[in-house]
């Protein structure tokens, strides 16, 4: 998933990309990544969480602090 063309900017930006989580739902599946440079122990938010969600086709999103997603593609 990280190699998907829609995450090209995130791959370019992230020095230490890591899988954050996978959300499996019906009908949407999302695969989220974060840059470990910005993952601070004891801190909940990380402004650099991006991923792909699939309904009919894969689309790139940013994961916001409140758990909602923002379309970036």
C-alpha atoms as a PDB file:
ATOM      1  CA  UNK A   1       0.000   0.000   0.000  1.00  0.00           C
ATOM      2  CA  UNK A   2       2.764   2.456   0.847  1.00  0.00           C
ATOM      3  CA  UNK A   3       4.067   2.048  -2.716  1.00  0.00           C
ATOM      4  CA  UNK A   4       0.739   3.194  -4.214  1.00  0.00           C
ATOM      5  CA  UNK A   5       1.206   6.213  -6.533  1.00  0.00           C
ATOM      6  CA  UNK A   6      -1.345   8.262  -4.568  1.00  0.00           C
ATOM      7  CA  UNK A   7       1.002   8.219  -1.546  1.00  0.00           C
ATOM      8  CA  UNK A   8       4.031   9.463  -3.517  1.00  0.00           C
ATOM      9  CA  UNK A   9       4.190  12.770  -1.641  1.00  0.00           C
ATOM     10  CA  UNK A  10       4.002  11.040   1.748  1.00  0.00           C
ATOM     11  CA  UNK A  11       6.807   8.635   0.759  1.00  0.00           C
ATOM     12  CA  UNK A  12       8.929  11.588  -0.352  1.00  0.00           C
ATOM     13  CA  UNK A  13       8.248  13.488   2.875  1.00  0.00           C
ATOM     14  CA  UNK A  14       8.421  10.710   5.476  1.00  0.00           C
ATOM     15  CA  UNK A  15      11.855   9.749   6.786  1.00  0.00           C
ATOM     16  CA  UNK A  16      10.511   6.909   8.940  1.00  0.00           C
ATOM     17  CA  UNK A  17       7.170   5.739   7.476  1.00  0.00           C
ATOM     18  CA  UNK A  18       5.325   3.101   9.475  1.00  0.00           C
ATOM     19  CA  UNK A  19       1.964   1.399   9.371  1.00  0.00           C
ATOM     20  CA  UNK A  20      -0.319   3.130  11.872  1.00  0.00           C
ATOM     21  CA  UNK A  21      -3.466   1.012  11.577  1.00  0.00           C
ATOM     22  CA  UNK A  22      -5.872  -0.753   9.239  1.00  0.00           C
ATOM     23  CA  UNK A  23      -9.588   0.009   9.457  1.00  0.00           C
ATOM     24  CA  UNK A  24     -11.760  -2.716   7.979  1.00  0.00           C
ATOM     25  CA  UNK A  25     -15.351  -1.699   7.515  1.00  0.00           C
ATOM     26  CA  UNK A  26     -18.278  -2.235   5.279  1.00  0.00           C
ATOM     27  CA  UNK A  27     -17.923  -0.921   2.597  1.00  0.00           C
ATOM     28  CA  UNK A  28     -14.718   1.070   3.326  1.00  0.00           C
ATOM     29  CA  UNK A  29     -11.242  -0.254   4.108  1.00  0.00           C
ATOM     30  CA  UNK A  30      -8.491   2.216   5.080  1.00  0.00           C
ATOM     31  CA  UNK A  31      -4.753   1.649   5.507  1.00  0.00           C
ATOM     32  CA  UNK A  32      -3.039   4.426   7.508  1.00  0.00           C
ATOM     33  CA  UNK A  33       0.643   5.372   7.756  1.00  0.00           C
ATOM     34  CA  UNK A  34       2.530   7.851   9.903  1.00  0.00           C
ATOM     35  CA  UNK A  35       6.034   9.283  10.019  1.00  0.00           C
ATOM     36  CA  UNK A  36       7.664   8.116  13.245  1.00  0.00           C
ATOM     37  CA  UNK A  37       9.617  11.377  13.467  1.00  0.00           C
ATOM     38  CA  UNK A  38       6.389  12.977  14.667  1.00  0.00           C
ATOM     39  CA  UNK A  39       5.124  10.173  16.933  1.00  0.00           C
ATOM     40  CA  UNK A  40       5.789  11.450  20.435  1.00  0.00           C
ATOM     41  CA  UNK A  41       5.164   9.060  23.366  1.00  0.00           C
ATOM     42  CA  UNK A  42       2.314  10.292  25.550  1.00  0.00           C
ATOM     43  CA  UNK A  43       0.943  12.547  22.824  1.00  0.00           C
ATOM     44  CA  UNK A  44      -2.235  11.476  21.057  1.00  0.00           C
ATOM     45  CA  UNK A  45      -2.081  13.590  17.917  1.00  0.00           C
ATOM     46  CA  UNK A  46       0.219  13.173  14.955  1.00  0.00           C
ATOM     47  CA  UNK A  47      -0.463  15.601  12.121  1.00  0.00           C
ATOM     48  CA  UNK A  48       1.314  13.425   9.575  1.00  0.00           C
ATOM     49  CA  UNK A  49      -0.990  10.419   9.241  1.00  0.00           C
ATOM     50  CA  UNK A  50      -1.977   9.624   5.703  1.00  0.00           C
ATOM     51  CA  UNK A  51      -3.491   6.622   4.037  1.00  0.00           C
ATOM     52  CA  UNK A  52      -5.609   5.073   1.365  1.00  0.00           C
ATOM     53  CA  UNK A  53      -9.275   4.218   1.682  1.00  0.00           C
ATOM     54  CA  UNK A  54     -11.167   2.029  -0.716  1.00  0.00           C
ATOM     55  CA  UNK A  55     -14.821   2.173  -1.486  1.00  0.00           C
ATOM     56  CA  UNK A  56     -14.947   1.767  -5.272  1.00  0.00           C
ATOM     57  CA  UNK A  57     -11.352   2.871  -5.886  1.00  0.00           C
ATOM     58  CA  UNK A  58      -8.391   3.737  -3.652  1.00  0.00           C
ATOM     59  CA  UNK A  59      -8.258   7.412  -2.630  1.00  0.00           C
ATOM     60  CA  UNK A  60      -5.715   9.252  -0.489  1.00  0.00           C
ATOM     61  CA  UNK A  61      -6.767  10.823   2.822  1.00  0.00           C
ATOM     62  CA  UNK A  62      -5.258  12.552   5.827  1.00  0.00           C
ATOM     63  CA  UNK A  63      -6.363  11.201   9.218  1.00  0.00           C
ATOM     64  CA  UNK A  64      -7.421  14.048  11.508  1.00  0.00           C
ATOM     65  CA  UNK A  65      -7.099  14.105  15.299  1.00  0.00           C
ATOM     66  CA  UNK A  66     -10.814  13.473  15.809  1.00  0.00           C
ATOM     67  CA  UNK A  67     -10.676  10.273  13.718  1.00  0.00           C
ATOM     68  CA  UNK A  68     -12.300  11.758  10.652  1.00  0.00           C
ATOM     69  CA  UNK A  69     -10.557  11.809   7.307  1.00  0.00           C
ATOM     70  CA  UNK A  70      -9.812  14.596   4.851  1.00  0.00           C
ATOM     71  CA  UNK A  71      -9.523  13.869   1.135  1.00  0.00           C
ATOM     72  CA  UNK A  72      -6.123  14.843  -0.295  1.00  0.00           C
ATOM     73  CA  UNK A  73      -6.190  13.450  -3.838  1.00  0.00           C
END
